PDB file of N, CA and C in Angstrom:
ATOM      1  N   MET A   1      23.595  -9.536 -32.881  1.00  0.00           N
ATOM      2  CA  MET A   1      23.934  -8.543 -31.980  1.00  0.00           C
ATOM      3  C   MET A   1      23.004  -8.212 -31.202  1.00  0.00           C
ATOM      4  N   VAL A   2      23.197  -8.713 -29.658  1.00  0.00           N
ATOM      5  CA  VAL A   2      22.409  -8.046 -29.094  1.00  0.00           C
ATOM      6  C   VAL A   2      22.470  -6.954 -28.735  1.00  0.00           C
ATOM      7  N   LYS A   3      21.946  -5.679 -28.431  1.00  0.00           N
ATOM      8  CA  LYS A   3      21.722  -4.295 -28.176  1.00  0.00           C
ATOM      9  C   LYS A   3      21.523  -4.653 -25.777  1.00  0.00           C
ATOM     10  N   THR A   4      22.198  -3.958 -25.164  1.00  0.00           N
ATOM     11  CA  THR A   4      21.267  -3.426 -23.770  1.00  0.00           C
ATOM     12  C   THR A   4      20.915  -2.662 -24.048  1.00  0.00           C
ATOM     13  N   ILE A   5      19.563  -2.325 -23.451  1.00  0.00           N
ATOM     14  CA  ILE A   5      19.546  -0.753 -22.885  1.00  0.00           C
ATOM     15  C   ILE A   5      19.579  -0.318 -21.968  1.00  0.00           C
ATOM     16  N   LYS A   6      20.639   0.610 -21.657  1.00  0.00           N
ATOM     17  CA  LYS A   6      21.337   1.154 -20.182  1.00  0.00           C
ATOM     18  C   LYS A   6      19.772   2.128 -19.949  1.00  0.00           C
ATOM     19  N   ILE A   7      18.979   1.329 -18.654  1.00  0.00           N
ATOM     20  CA  ILE A   7      18.246   2.569 -18.122  1.00  0.00           C
ATOM     21  C   ILE A   7      18.471   3.598 -17.197  1.00  0.00           C
ATOM     22  N   ASP A   8      18.255   4.617 -17.806  1.00  0.00           N
ATOM     23  CA  ASP A   8      18.372   6.057 -16.827  1.00  0.00           C
ATOM     24  C   ASP A   8      18.034   5.954 -15.701  1.00  0.00           C
ATOM     25  N   LYS A   9      18.987   6.375 -14.563  1.00  0.00           N
ATOM     26  CA  LYS A   9      18.831   6.336 -13.519  1.00  0.00           C
ATOM     27  C   LYS A   9      17.621   7.216 -13.236  1.00  0.00           C
ATOM     28  N   SER A  10      17.190   8.330 -13.388  1.00  0.00           N
ATOM     29  CA  SER A  10      16.056   9.303 -13.339  1.00  0.00           C
ATOM     30  C   SER A  10      14.738   8.499 -13.627  1.00  0.00           C
ATOM     31  N   PHE A  11      14.802   7.829 -14.515  1.00  0.00           N
ATOM     32  CA  PHE A  11      13.573   7.274 -15.156  1.00  0.00           C
ATOM     33  C   PHE A  11      13.304   6.302 -14.314  1.00  0.00           C
ATOM     34  N   LYS A  12      14.422   5.407 -13.405  1.00  0.00           N
ATOM     35  CA  LYS A  12      13.858   4.986 -12.631  1.00  0.00           C
ATOM     36  C   LYS A  12      13.313   5.577 -10.572  1.00  0.00           C
ATOM     37  N   LEU A  13      13.986   6.659 -11.092  1.00  0.00           N
ATOM     38  CA  LEU A  13      13.467   7.431 -10.082  1.00  0.00           C
ATOM     39  C   LEU A  13      11.833   7.975 -10.179  1.00  0.00           C
ATOM     40  N   ILE A  14      11.636   8.183 -11.653  1.00  0.00           N
ATOM     41  CA  ILE A  14       9.929   8.932 -11.820  1.00  0.00           C
ATOM     42  C   ILE A  14       9.438   7.198 -11.556  1.00  0.00           C
ATOM     43  N   ARG A  15       9.074   6.184 -12.223  1.00  0.00           N
ATOM     44  CA  ARG A  15       8.397   5.551 -12.190  1.00  0.00           C
ATOM     45  C   ARG A  15       8.672   4.860 -10.429  1.00  0.00           C
ATOM     46  N   ILE A  16       9.835   5.615  -9.110  1.00  0.00           N
ATOM     47  CA  ILE A  16       9.634   4.657  -8.300  1.00  0.00           C
ATOM     48  C   ILE A  16       9.073   5.951  -7.276  1.00  0.00           C
ATOM     49  N   ASN A  17       9.157   7.016  -7.837  1.00  0.00           N
ATOM     50  CA  ASN A  17       7.711   8.321  -7.546  1.00  0.00           C
ATOM     51  C   ASN A  17       6.495   8.216  -7.702  1.00  0.00           C
ATOM     52  N   GLU A  18       6.412   7.391  -8.833  1.00  0.00           N
ATOM     53  CA  GLU A  18       4.423   7.026  -9.246  1.00  0.00           C
ATOM     54  C   GLU A  18       4.388   6.121  -8.535  1.00  0.00           C
ATOM     55  N   THR A  19       5.074   5.294  -8.120  1.00  0.00           N
ATOM     56  CA  THR A  19       4.717   3.895  -7.970  1.00  0.00           C
ATOM     57  C   THR A  19       4.428   4.341  -6.302  1.00  0.00           C
ATOM     58  N   ILE A  20       5.372   5.498  -5.505  1.00  0.00           N
ATOM     59  CA  ILE A  20       5.026   5.335  -3.875  1.00  0.00           C
ATOM     60  C   ILE A  20       3.660   6.180  -4.513  1.00  0.00           C
ATOM     61  N   LYS A  21       3.552   7.223  -5.021  1.00  0.00           N
ATOM     62  CA  LYS A  21       2.426   8.319  -4.886  1.00  0.00           C
ATOM     63  C   LYS A  21       0.956   7.461  -5.238  1.00  0.00           C
ATOM     64  N   ARG A  22       1.320   6.604  -5.783  1.00  0.00           N
ATOM     65  CA  ARG A  22      -0.192   5.939  -6.259  1.00  0.00           C
ATOM     66  C   ARG A  22      -0.648   5.144  -4.770  1.00  0.00           C
ATOM     67  N   ASN A  23       0.460   4.069  -4.557  1.00  0.00           N
ATOM     68  CA  ASN A  23       0.038   3.332  -3.468  1.00  0.00           C
ATOM     69  C   ASN A  23      -0.260   3.928  -2.469  1.00  0.00           C
ATOM     70  N   LEU A  24       0.301   5.126  -1.901  1.00  0.00           N
ATOM     71  CA  LEU A  24       0.856   6.004  -0.757  1.00  0.00           C
ATOM     72  C   LEU A  24      -0.783   6.305  -0.601  1.00  0.00           C
ATOM     73  N   SER A  25      -1.268   7.069  -2.080  1.00  0.00           N
ATOM     74  CA  SER A  25      -2.995   7.809  -2.446  1.00  0.00           C
ATOM     75  C   SER A  25      -3.946   6.671  -2.016  1.00  0.00           C
ATOM     76  N   GLN A  26      -3.567   5.320  -1.991  1.00  0.00           N
ATOM     77  CA  GLN A  26      -5.035   4.439  -2.022  1.00  0.00           C
ATOM     78  C   GLN A  26      -4.373   3.882   0.087  1.00  0.00           C
ATOM     79  N   ILE A  27      -3.568   4.326   0.319  1.00  0.00           N
ATOM     80  CA  ILE A  27      -3.665   3.865   1.815  1.00  0.00           C
ATOM     81  C   ILE A  27      -4.193   4.776   2.514  1.00  0.00           C
ATOM     82  N   LEU A  28      -3.663   5.979   2.318  1.00  0.00           N
ATOM     83  CA  LEU A  28      -4.181   7.359   3.129  1.00  0.00           C
ATOM     84  C   LEU A  28      -6.136   7.490   2.656  1.00  0.00           C
ATOM     85  N   VAL A  29      -6.162   6.934   1.582  1.00  0.00           N
ATOM     86  CA  VAL A  29      -7.587   7.254   1.328  1.00  0.00           C
ATOM     87  C   VAL A  29      -8.622   6.289   2.459  1.00  0.00           C
ATOM     88  N   ASN A  30      -7.665   4.773   2.763  1.00  0.00           N
ATOM     89  CA  ASN A  30      -8.167   3.895   3.328  1.00  0.00           C
ATOM     90  C   ASN A  30      -8.246   4.143   4.909  1.00  0.00           C
ATOM     91  N   HIS A  31      -7.373   5.071   5.110  1.00  0.00           N
ATOM     92  CA  HIS A  31      -7.260   5.988   6.823  1.00  0.00           C
ATOM     93  C   HIS A  31      -7.891   7.217   6.854  1.00  0.00           C
ATOM     94  N   SER A  32      -7.911   7.487   5.684  1.00  0.00           N
ATOM     95  CA  SER A  32      -8.839   8.961   5.838  1.00  0.00           C
ATOM     96  C   SER A  32     -10.797   8.920   5.765  1.00  0.00           C
ATOM     97  N   ARG A  33     -11.453   9.704   6.676  1.00  0.00           N
ATOM     98  CA  ARG A  33     -12.644   9.295   6.760  1.00  0.00           C
ATOM     99  C   ARG A  33     -12.636  10.218   5.904  1.00  0.00           C
ATOM    100  N   ASP A  34     -12.386  11.377   5.484  1.00  0.00           N
ATOM    101  CA  ASP A  34     -12.845  12.675   4.761  1.00  0.00           C
ATOM    102  C   ASP A  34     -12.332  13.221   3.406  1.00  0.00           C
ATOM    103  N   ASN A  35     -11.150  11.837   3.137  1.00  0.00           N
ATOM    104  CA  ASN A  35     -10.551  11.917   2.006  1.00  0.00           C
ATOM    105  C   ASN A  35      -9.676  13.186   1.582  1.00  0.00           C
ATOM    106  N   ILE A  36      -9.793  14.342   2.623  1.00  0.00           N
ATOM    107  CA  ILE A  36      -9.614  15.594   2.552  1.00  0.00           C
ATOM    108  C   ILE A  36      -7.712  15.558   2.448  1.00  0.00           C
ATOM    109  N   VAL A  37      -6.800  15.261   2.026  1.00  0.00           N
ATOM    110  CA  VAL A  37      -5.465  15.227   1.817  1.00  0.00           C
ATOM    111  C   VAL A  37      -5.432  14.346   0.499  1.00  0.00           C
ATOM    112  N   SER A  38      -4.780  15.092   0.036  1.00  0.00           N
ATOM    113  CA  SER A  38      -3.883  14.179  -1.550  1.00  0.00           C
ATOM    114  C   SER A  38      -2.223  14.716  -1.695  1.00  0.00           C
ATOM    115  N   ILE A  39      -2.122  14.016  -2.604  1.00  0.00           N
ATOM    116  CA  ILE A  39      -0.432  13.690  -2.920  1.00  0.00           C
ATOM    117  C   ILE A  39      -0.628  14.527  -4.009  1.00  0.00           C
ATOM    118  N   VAL A  40       0.533  15.822  -3.862  1.00  0.00           N
ATOM    119  CA  VAL A  40       0.906  16.705  -5.027  1.00  0.00           C
ATOM    120  C   VAL A  40       1.936  15.962  -5.603  1.00  0.00           C
ATOM    121  N   ARG A  41       3.341  15.631  -5.157  1.00  0.00           N
ATOM    122  CA  ARG A  41       4.397  14.995  -6.006  1.00  0.00           C
ATOM    123  C   ARG A  41       4.851  14.113  -5.159  1.00  0.00           C
ATOM    124  N   VAL A  42       5.879  13.534  -5.226  1.00  0.00           N
ATOM    125  CA  VAL A  42       6.934  13.004  -4.651  1.00  0.00           C
ATOM    126  C   VAL A  42       7.875  12.834  -4.955  1.00  0.00           C
ATOM    127  N   GLU A  43       9.173  13.228  -4.559  1.00  0.00           N
ATOM    128  CA  GLU A  43      10.530  13.282  -4.484  1.00  0.00           C
ATOM    129  C   GLU A  43      11.684  12.444  -3.999  1.00  0.00           C
ATOM    130  N   THR A  44      11.778  11.273  -4.718  1.00  0.00           N
ATOM    131  CA  THR A  44      12.737  10.289  -3.775  1.00  0.00           C
ATOM    132  C   THR A  44      14.063  10.804  -3.832  1.00  0.00           C
ATOM    133  N   SER A  45      15.422  10.838  -3.426  1.00  0.00           N
ATOM    134  CA  SER A  45      16.512  11.092  -3.404  1.00  0.00           C
ATOM    135  C   SER A  45      16.871   9.719  -4.119  1.00  0.00           C
ATOM    136  N   SER A  46      18.253  10.062  -4.445  1.00  0.00           N
ATOM    137  CA  SER A  46      19.190   9.423  -5.611  1.00  0.00           C
ATOM    138  C   SER A  46      19.317   8.015  -5.446  1.00  0.00           C
ATOM    139  N   ASP A  47      19.661   8.100  -3.252  1.00  0.00           N
ATOM    140  CA  ASP A  47      20.312   6.824  -2.964  1.00  0.00           C
ATOM    141  C   ASP A  47      18.733   6.153  -2.120  1.00  0.00           C
ATOM    142  N   LEU A  48      17.778   6.140  -3.057  1.00  0.00           N
ATOM    143  CA  LEU A  48      16.497   5.613  -2.042  1.00  0.00           C
ATOM    144  C   LEU A  48      16.744   5.948  -0.763  1.00  0.00           C
ATOM    145  N   SER A  49      17.666   6.929   0.072  1.00  0.00           N
ATOM    146  CA  SER A  49      17.381   7.117   1.519  1.00  0.00           C
ATOM    147  C   SER A  49      15.971   7.920   1.941  1.00  0.00           C
ATOM    148  N   GLN A  50      15.767   8.495   1.346  1.00  0.00           N
ATOM    149  CA  GLN A  50      14.231   9.497   1.855  1.00  0.00           C
ATOM    150  C   GLN A  50      13.203   9.718   0.569  1.00  0.00           C
ATOM    151  N   SER A  51      12.149   9.692   0.691  1.00  0.00           N
ATOM    152  CA  SER A  51      11.014  10.161  -0.296  1.00  0.00           C
ATOM    153  C   SER A  51      10.274  11.494   0.492  1.00  0.00           C
ATOM    154  N   LYS A  52      10.466  12.648  -0.043  1.00  0.00           N
ATOM    155  CA  LYS A  52       9.234  13.526   0.486  1.00  0.00           C
ATOM    156  C   LYS A  52       7.953  13.539  -0.735  1.00  0.00           C
ATOM    157  N   ILE A  53       7.259  13.317   0.769  1.00  0.00           N
ATOM    158  CA  ILE A  53       5.934  13.137  -0.026  1.00  0.00           C
ATOM    159  C   ILE A  53       5.353  14.522   0.511  1.00  0.00           C
ATOM    160  N   TYR A  54       4.805  15.220  -0.951  1.00  0.00           N
ATOM    161  CA  TYR A  54       4.281  16.571  -0.780  1.00  0.00           C
ATOM    162  C   TYR A  54       2.600  16.802  -0.618  1.00  0.00           C
ATOM    163  N   ILE A  55       2.115  17.084   0.052  1.00  0.00           N
ATOM    164  CA  ILE A  55       0.392  16.947   0.416  1.00  0.00           C
ATOM    165  C   ILE A  55       0.021  17.925   0.170  1.00  0.00           C
ATOM    166  N   SER A  56      -1.102  18.032  -0.263  1.00  0.00           N
ATOM    167  CA  SER A  56      -2.437  19.252   0.126  1.00  0.00           C
ATOM    168  C   SER A  56      -3.394  18.634   1.118  1.00  0.00           C
ATOM    169  N   ALA A  57      -3.489  20.195   2.183  1.00  0.00           N
ATOM    170  CA  ALA A  57      -5.008  19.484   2.635  1.00  0.00           C
ATOM    171  C   ALA A  57      -5.529  20.870   2.644  1.00  0.00           C
ATOM    172  N   LEU A  58      -7.035  20.891   2.494  1.00  0.00           N
ATOM    173  CA  LEU A  58      -7.572  22.064   2.562  1.00  0.00           C
ATOM    174  C   LEU A  58      -7.662  22.656   4.155  1.00  0.00           C
ATOM    175  N   ASN A  59      -8.095  21.841   5.277  1.00  0.00           N
ATOM    176  CA  ASN A  59      -8.439  22.081   6.492  1.00  0.00           C
ATOM    177  C   ASN A  59      -7.544  21.558   6.901  1.00  0.00           C
ATOM    178  N   TYR A  60      -6.615  22.526   8.444  1.00  0.00           N
ATOM    179  CA  TYR A  60      -5.878  22.130   9.294  1.00  0.00           C
ATOM    180  C   TYR A  60      -4.531  21.456   8.802  1.00  0.00           C
ATOM    181  N   PRO A  61      -3.726  21.626   7.695  1.00  0.00           N
ATOM    182  CA  PRO A  61      -2.949  20.895   7.064  1.00  0.00           C
ATOM    183  C   PRO A  61      -1.897  20.967   7.985  1.00  0.00           C
ATOM    184  N   ASP A  62      -1.350  22.007   8.821  1.00  0.00           N
ATOM    185  CA  ASP A  62      -0.333  21.735   9.978  1.00  0.00           C
ATOM    186  C   ASP A  62      -1.076  20.742  10.839  1.00  0.00           C
ATOM    187  N   LYS A  63      -2.049  20.714  11.467  1.00  0.00           N
ATOM    188  CA  LYS A  63      -2.335  19.624  12.299  1.00  0.00           C
ATOM    189  C   LYS A  63      -2.199  17.855  11.391  1.00  0.00           C
ATOM    190  N   ILE A  64      -2.927  18.131  10.428  1.00  0.00           N
ATOM    191  CA  ILE A  64      -2.573  16.765   9.176  1.00  0.00           C
ATOM    192  C   ILE A  64      -0.837  16.480   8.917  1.00  0.00           C
ATOM    193  N   LEU A  65      -0.097  17.047   8.591  1.00  0.00           N
ATOM    194  CA  LEU A  65       0.513  17.437   8.466  1.00  0.00           C
ATOM    195  C   LEU A  65       1.201  16.062   9.613  1.00  0.00           C
ATOM    196  N   LYS A  66       0.932  16.985  11.127  1.00  0.00           N
ATOM    197  CA  LYS A  66       1.849  16.469  12.028  1.00  0.00           C
ATOM    198  C   LYS A  66       1.393  15.139  13.010  1.00  0.00           C
ATOM    199  N   HIS A  67      -0.085  14.491  12.418  1.00  0.00           N
ATOM    200  CA  HIS A  67      -0.769  13.218  12.221  1.00  0.00           C
ATOM    201  C   HIS A  67       0.206  12.364  11.361  1.00  0.00           C
ATOM    202  N   LEU A  68       0.275  12.748  10.513  1.00  0.00           N
ATOM    203  CA  LEU A  68       0.417  11.706   9.124  1.00  0.00           C
ATOM    204  C   LEU A  68       2.265  10.980   9.778  1.00  0.00           C
ATOM    205  N   ASN A  69       3.157  12.270  10.143  1.00  0.00           N
ATOM    206  CA  ASN A  69       4.299  12.508  10.364  1.00  0.00           C
ATOM    207  C   ASN A  69       4.731  11.279  11.860  1.00  0.00           C
ATOM    208  N   LYS A  70       3.071  11.104  12.956  1.00  0.00           N
ATOM    209  CA  LYS A  70       3.454  10.269  13.332  1.00  0.00           C
ATOM    210  C   LYS A  70       3.224   9.142  13.636  1.00  0.00           C
ATOM    211  N   LEU A  71       2.389   9.174  12.206  1.00  0.00           N
ATOM    212  CA  LEU A  71       1.717   7.350  12.121  1.00  0.00           C
ATOM    213  C   LEU A  71       2.462   6.912  10.443  1.00  0.00           C
ATOM    214  N   SER A  72       4.231   8.051  10.670  1.00  0.00           N
ATOM    215  CA  SER A  72       4.602   7.587   9.451  1.00  0.00           C
ATOM    216  C   SER A  72       5.437   6.069   9.128  1.00  0.00           C
ATOM    217  N   SER A  73       5.539   5.439  10.436  1.00  0.00           N
ATOM    218  CA  SER A  73       6.159   4.449  10.310  1.00  0.00           C
ATOM    219  C   SER A  73       5.126   3.317   9.692  1.00  0.00           C
ATOM    220  N   ASN A  74       3.841   3.316  10.140  1.00  0.00           N
ATOM    221  CA  ASN A  74       2.994   2.675  10.359  1.00  0.00           C
ATOM    222  C   ASN A  74       2.654   2.827   8.653  1.00  0.00           C
ATOM    223  N   ILE A  75       2.422   3.815   8.379  1.00  0.00           N
ATOM    224  CA  ILE A  75       1.991   4.068   6.490  1.00  0.00           C
ATOM    225  C   ILE A  75       3.414   3.339   6.164  1.00  0.00           C
ATOM    226  N   TRP A  76       4.624   3.353   6.312  1.00  0.00           N
ATOM    227  CA  TRP A  76       5.985   3.120   5.741  1.00  0.00           C
ATOM    228  C   TRP A  76       5.440   1.254   5.297  1.00  0.00           C
ATOM    229  N   ARG A  77       5.158   0.778   6.949  1.00  0.00           N
ATOM    230  CA  ARG A  77       5.520  -0.685   6.664  1.00  0.00           C
ATOM    231  C   ARG A  77       4.199  -1.355   5.703  1.00  0.00           C
ATOM    232  N   GLU A  78       3.138  -0.490   5.618  1.00  0.00           N
ATOM    233  CA  GLU A  78       1.668  -0.303   4.727  1.00  0.00           C
ATOM    234  C   GLU A  78       2.439  -0.891   3.372  1.00  0.00           C
ATOM    235  N   LEU A  79       2.946   0.700   2.977  1.00  0.00           N
ATOM    236  CA  LEU A  79       3.303   0.747   1.715  1.00  0.00           C
ATOM    237  C   LEU A  79       4.665  -0.306   1.585  1.00  0.00           C
ATOM    238  N   ALA A  80       5.639  -0.658   2.196  1.00  0.00           N
ATOM    239  CA  ALA A  80       6.379  -1.683   2.060  1.00  0.00           C
ATOM    240  C   ALA A  80       5.644  -2.783   1.686  1.00  0.00           C
ATOM    241  N   ASP A  81       4.519  -3.540   2.202  1.00  0.00           N
ATOM    242  CA  ASP A  81       4.008  -5.135   1.647  1.00  0.00           C
ATOM    243  C   ASP A  81       3.065  -4.438   0.499  1.00  0.00           C
ATOM    244  N   LYS A  82       2.630  -3.407   0.165  1.00  0.00           N
ATOM    245  CA  LYS A  82       2.286  -2.980  -1.364  1.00  0.00           C
ATOM    246  C   LYS A  82       3.443  -3.150  -2.112  1.00  0.00           C
ATOM    247  N   ILE A  83       4.760  -2.434  -2.037  1.00  0.00           N
ATOM    248  CA  ILE A  83       5.380  -2.300  -3.321  1.00  0.00           C
ATOM    249  C   ILE A  83       7.214  -3.708  -2.664  1.00  0.00           C
ATOM    250  N   LYS A  84       6.852  -3.680  -4.136  1.00  0.00           N
ATOM    251  CA  LYS A  84       8.312  -4.820  -3.530  1.00  0.00           C
ATOM    252  C   LYS A  84       9.469  -4.365  -4.121  1.00  0.00           C
ATOM    253  N   ILE A  85      10.485  -4.017  -3.343  1.00  0.00           N
ATOM    254  CA  ILE A  85      11.438  -2.773  -3.458  1.00  0.00           C
ATOM    255  C   ILE A  85      12.600  -3.065  -2.661  1.00  0.00           C
ATOM    256  N   ARG A  86      14.115  -3.048  -3.393  1.00  0.00           N
ATOM    257  CA  ARG A  86      14.822  -3.590  -1.990  1.00  0.00           C
ATOM    258  C   ARG A  86      14.718  -2.715  -0.855  1.00  0.00           C
ATOM    259  N   ARG A  87      14.986  -1.636  -1.429  1.00  0.00           N
ATOM    260  CA  ARG A  87      15.350  -0.382  -0.353  1.00  0.00           C
ATOM    261  C   ARG A  87      14.063   0.646  -0.053  1.00  0.00           C
ATOM    262  N   LEU A  88      13.245   0.815   0.656  1.00  0.00           N
ATOM    263  CA  LEU A  88      11.852   1.404   0.427  1.00  0.00           C
ATOM    264  C   LEU A  88      12.307   2.910   1.310  1.00  0.00           C
ATOM    265  N   PRO A  89      13.001   4.164   0.907  1.00  0.00           N
ATOM    266  CA  PRO A  89      12.857   5.177   1.265  1.00  0.00           C
ATOM    267  C   PRO A  89      12.142   5.343   2.380  1.00  0.00           C
ATOM    268  N   LYS A  90      12.634   6.481   3.778  1.00  0.00           N
ATOM    269  CA  LYS A  90      12.091   6.764   4.525  1.00  0.00           C
ATOM    270  C   LYS A  90      11.085   7.569   4.213  1.00  0.00           C
ATOM    271  N   LEU A  91       9.462   7.908   4.830  1.00  0.00           N
ATOM    272  CA  LEU A  91       8.829   8.864   4.066  1.00  0.00           C
ATOM    273  C   LEU A  91       8.950  10.175   4.851  1.00  0.00           C
ATOM    274  N   ILE A  92       8.905  11.033   4.537  1.00  0.00           N
ATOM    275  CA  ILE A  92       8.980  12.885   5.194  1.00  0.00           C
ATOM    276  C   ILE A  92       7.590  13.737   4.334  1.00  0.00           C
ATOM    277  N   PHE A  93       6.892  13.573   4.935  1.00  0.00           N
ATOM    278  CA  PHE A  93       5.556  14.783   4.604  1.00  0.00           C
ATOM    279  C   PHE A  93       5.738  15.818   4.972  1.00  0.00           C
ATOM    280  N   ILE A  94       5.485  16.560   3.650  1.00  0.00           N
ATOM    281  CA  ILE A  94       5.421  18.155   4.174  1.00  0.00           C
ATOM    282  C   ILE A  94       4.537  18.694   2.867  1.00  0.00           C
ATOM    283  N   VAL A  95       3.855  19.768   3.644  1.00  0.00           N
ATOM    284  CA  VAL A  95       3.116  20.336   3.200  1.00  0.00           C
ATOM    285  C   VAL A  95       3.485  21.669   2.170  1.00  0.00           C
ATOM    286  N   ASP A  96       2.318  21.033   0.932  1.00  0.00           N
ATOM    287  CA  ASP A  96       2.768  21.764  -0.465  1.00  0.00           C
ATOM    288  C   ASP A  96       1.873  22.809  -0.329  1.00  0.00           C
ATOM    289  N   ASN A  97       2.840  23.973  -0.196  1.00  0.00           N
ATOM    290  CA  ASN A  97       1.820  25.903   0.264  1.00  0.00           C
ATOM    291  C   ASN A  97       1.209  26.209  -1.638  1.00  0.00           C
ATOM    292  N   ALA A  98       1.909  25.226  -2.514  1.00  0.00           N
ATOM    293  CA  ALA A  98       1.792  26.371  -3.622  1.00  0.00           C
ATOM    294  C   ALA A  98       0.358  26.017  -4.264  1.00  0.00           C
ATOM    295  N   ILE A  99      -0.572  25.550  -3.932  1.00  0.00           N
ATOM    296  CA  ILE A  99      -2.231  25.578  -4.566  1.00  0.00           C
ATOM    297  C   ILE A  99      -2.611  26.754  -4.017  1.00  0.00           C
ATOM    298  N   ASN A 100      -2.269  26.766  -2.543  1.00  0.00           N
ATOM    299  CA  ASN A 100      -2.512  28.084  -2.143  1.00  0.00           C
ATOM    300  C   ASN A 100      -2.044  29.680  -2.768  1.00  0.00           C
ATOM    301  N   GLU A 101      -0.664  29.776  -3.344  1.00  0.00           N
ATOM    302  CA  GLU A 101       0.015  30.222  -3.907  1.00  0.00           C
ATOM    303  C   GLU A 101      -0.839  30.456  -5.142  1.00  0.00           C
ATOM    304  N   ILE A 102      -1.301  29.545  -5.708  1.00  0.00           N
ATOM    305  CA  ILE A 102      -1.542  29.455  -7.127  1.00  0.00           C
ATOM    306  C   ILE A 102      -2.810  30.328  -7.223  1.00  0.00           C
ATOM    307  N   ILE A 103      -3.605  30.279  -6.089  1.00  0.00           N
ATOM    308  CA  ILE A 103      -5.177  30.168  -5.913  1.00  0.00           C
ATOM    309  C   ILE A 103      -5.135  32.141  -5.268  1.00  0.00           C
ATOM    310  N   ILE A 104      -4.097  32.422  -5.005  1.00  0.00           N
ATOM    311  CA  ILE A 104      -4.105  33.810  -4.470  1.00  0.00           C
ATOM    312  C   ILE A 104      -3.649  34.199  -5.752  1.00  0.00           C
ATOM    313  N   THR A 105      -2.558  33.983  -6.403  1.00  0.00           N
ATOM    314  CA  THR A 105      -2.293  34.635  -8.107  1.00  0.00           C
ATOM    315  C   THR A 105      -3.343  35.053  -9.229  1.00  0.00           C
ATOM    316  N   GLY A 106      -4.504  34.178  -8.686  1.00  0.00           N
ATOM    317  CA  GLY A 106      -5.438  33.835  -9.597  1.00  0.00           C
ATOM    318  C   GLY A 106      -5.818  35.105  -9.190  1.00  0.00           C
ATOM    319  N   LEU A 107      -6.287  35.992  -8.202  1.00  0.00           N
ATOM    320  CA  LEU A 107      -7.317  36.388  -7.995  1.00  0.00           C
ATOM    321  C   LEU A 107      -6.536  37.635  -8.889  1.00  0.00           C
ATOM    322  N   PRO A 108      -8.089  38.750  -8.661  1.00  0.00           N
ATOM    323  CA  PRO A 108      -7.208  40.342  -9.275  1.00  0.00           C
ATOM    324  C   PRO A 108      -6.705  40.991  -8.661  1.00  0.00           C
ATOM    325  N   GLU A 109      -6.030  41.691  -8.941  1.00  0.00           N
ATOM    326  CA  GLU A 109      -5.018  42.709  -8.469  1.00  0.00           C
ATOM    327  C   GLU A 109      -5.767  43.136  -7.719  1.00  0.00           C
ATOM    328  N   GLU A 110      -7.118  43.855  -7.393  1.00  0.00           N
ATOM    329  CA  GLU A 110      -7.304  45.027  -6.361  1.00  0.00           C
ATOM    330  C   GLU A 110      -7.593  44.054  -5.899  1.00  0.00           C
ATOM    331  N   LEU A 111      -8.005  43.055  -5.348  1.00  0.00           N
ATOM    332  CA  LEU A 111      -8.581  41.930  -4.179  1.00  0.00           C
ATOM    333  C   LEU A 111      -6.872  41.756  -3.479  1.00  0.00           C
ATOM    334  N   ILE A 112      -6.015  41.547  -4.386  1.00  0.00           N
ATOM    335  CA  ILE A 112      -4.728  41.285  -3.024  1.00  0.00           C
ATOM    336  C   ILE A 112      -4.266  42.690  -3.042  1.00  0.00           C
ATOM    337  N   GLU A 113      -4.297  43.527  -3.816  1.00  0.00           N
ATOM    338  CA  GLU A 113      -3.247  45.074  -2.752  1.00  0.00           C
ATOM    339  C   GLU A 113      -4.959  45.557  -1.670  1.00  0.00           C
ATOM    340  N   ASN A 114      -5.497  45.660  -1.676  1.00  0.00           N
ATOM    341  CA  ASN A 114      -6.945  45.762  -0.696  1.00  0.00           C
ATOM    342  C   ASN A 114      -7.431  44.721  -0.203  1.00  0.00           C
ATOM    343  N   LYS A 115      -6.693  43.948   0.874  1.00  0.00           N
ATOM    344  CA  LYS A 115      -6.465  42.925   1.731  1.00  0.00           C
ATOM    345  C   LYS A 115      -7.975  42.884   2.803  1.00  0.00           C
ATOM    346  N   SER A 116      -7.479  44.802   2.894  1.00  0.00           N
ATOM    347  CA  SER A 116      -8.362  45.088   4.386  1.00  0.00           C
ATOM    348  C   SER A 116      -9.819  45.413   3.905  1.00  0.00           C
ATOM    349  N   ASP A 117      -9.657  45.209   2.575  1.00  0.00           N
ATOM    350  CA  ASP A 117     -11.612  45.289   1.389  1.00  0.00           C
ATOM    351  C   ASP A 117     -12.261  44.477   2.177  1.00  0.00           C
ATOM    352  N   VAL A 118     -11.510  43.066   1.623  1.00  0.00           N
ATOM    353  CA  VAL A 118     -12.043  42.236   1.307  1.00  0.00           C
ATOM    354  C   VAL A 118     -13.227  41.765   2.480  1.00  0.00           C
ATOM    355  N   GLY A 119     -14.519  41.292   2.341  1.00  0.00           N
ATOM    356  CA  GLY A 119     -15.877  41.541   3.227  1.00  0.00           C
ATOM    357  C   GLY A 119     -16.008  42.438   3.179  1.00  0.00           C
ATOM    358  N   LYS A 120     -16.242  43.572   2.845  1.00  0.00           N
ATOM    359  CA  LYS A 120     -16.991  44.866   3.368  1.00  0.00           C
ATOM    360  C   LYS A 120     -17.757  45.132   2.100  1.00  0.00           C
ATOM    361  N   SER A 121     -18.476  45.204   2.261  1.00  0.00           N
ATOM    362  CA  SER A 121     -19.522  45.968   0.882  1.00  0.00           C
ATOM    363  C   SER A 121     -18.889  47.217  -0.090  1.00  0.00           C
ATOM    364  N   ARG A 122     -19.617  46.489  -1.018  1.00  0.00           N
ATOM    365  CA  ARG A 122     -18.960  48.017  -2.243  1.00  0.00           C
ATOM    366  C   ARG A 122     -20.409  48.907  -2.770  1.00  0.00           C
ATOM    367  N   ILE A 123     -21.105  48.623  -1.879  1.00  0.00           N
ATOM    368  CA  ILE A 123     -22.639  48.935  -2.331  1.00  0.00           C
ATOM    369  C   ILE A 123     -22.648  50.956  -1.449  1.00  0.00           C
ATOM    370  N   LYS A 124     -23.124  51.797  -1.914  1.00  0.00           N
ATOM    371  CA  LYS A 124     -22.605  53.252  -1.369  1.00  0.00           C
ATOM    372  C   LYS A 124     -23.811  53.409  -1.491  1.00  0.00           C
TER     373      LYS A 124
END
């Protein structure tokens, strides 16, 4: 008796997300002079209509986001050449602010509470 293994849809989505992330990272490295953008995560809808690409950028994240969304159709075509999938989702780039929140929450409480004192000398 042959057993058939049914692959869970969520497993397929995880594989698609990782494949998009890996290939898209390579594409962005080729296009970027400074390599200042990194892909944090990819979330693809279950119907494969769209993929939300969460990015992290140290400098000018809004400017970079605008540029990526402007080039999204060209990036999509380049990605379609690399990934052989029946239906490649539409790419939607989003700035991921979680890293900034982690950095802020990692600061000592006194710095967070006394934001106005940041940069002032504590020498008396």
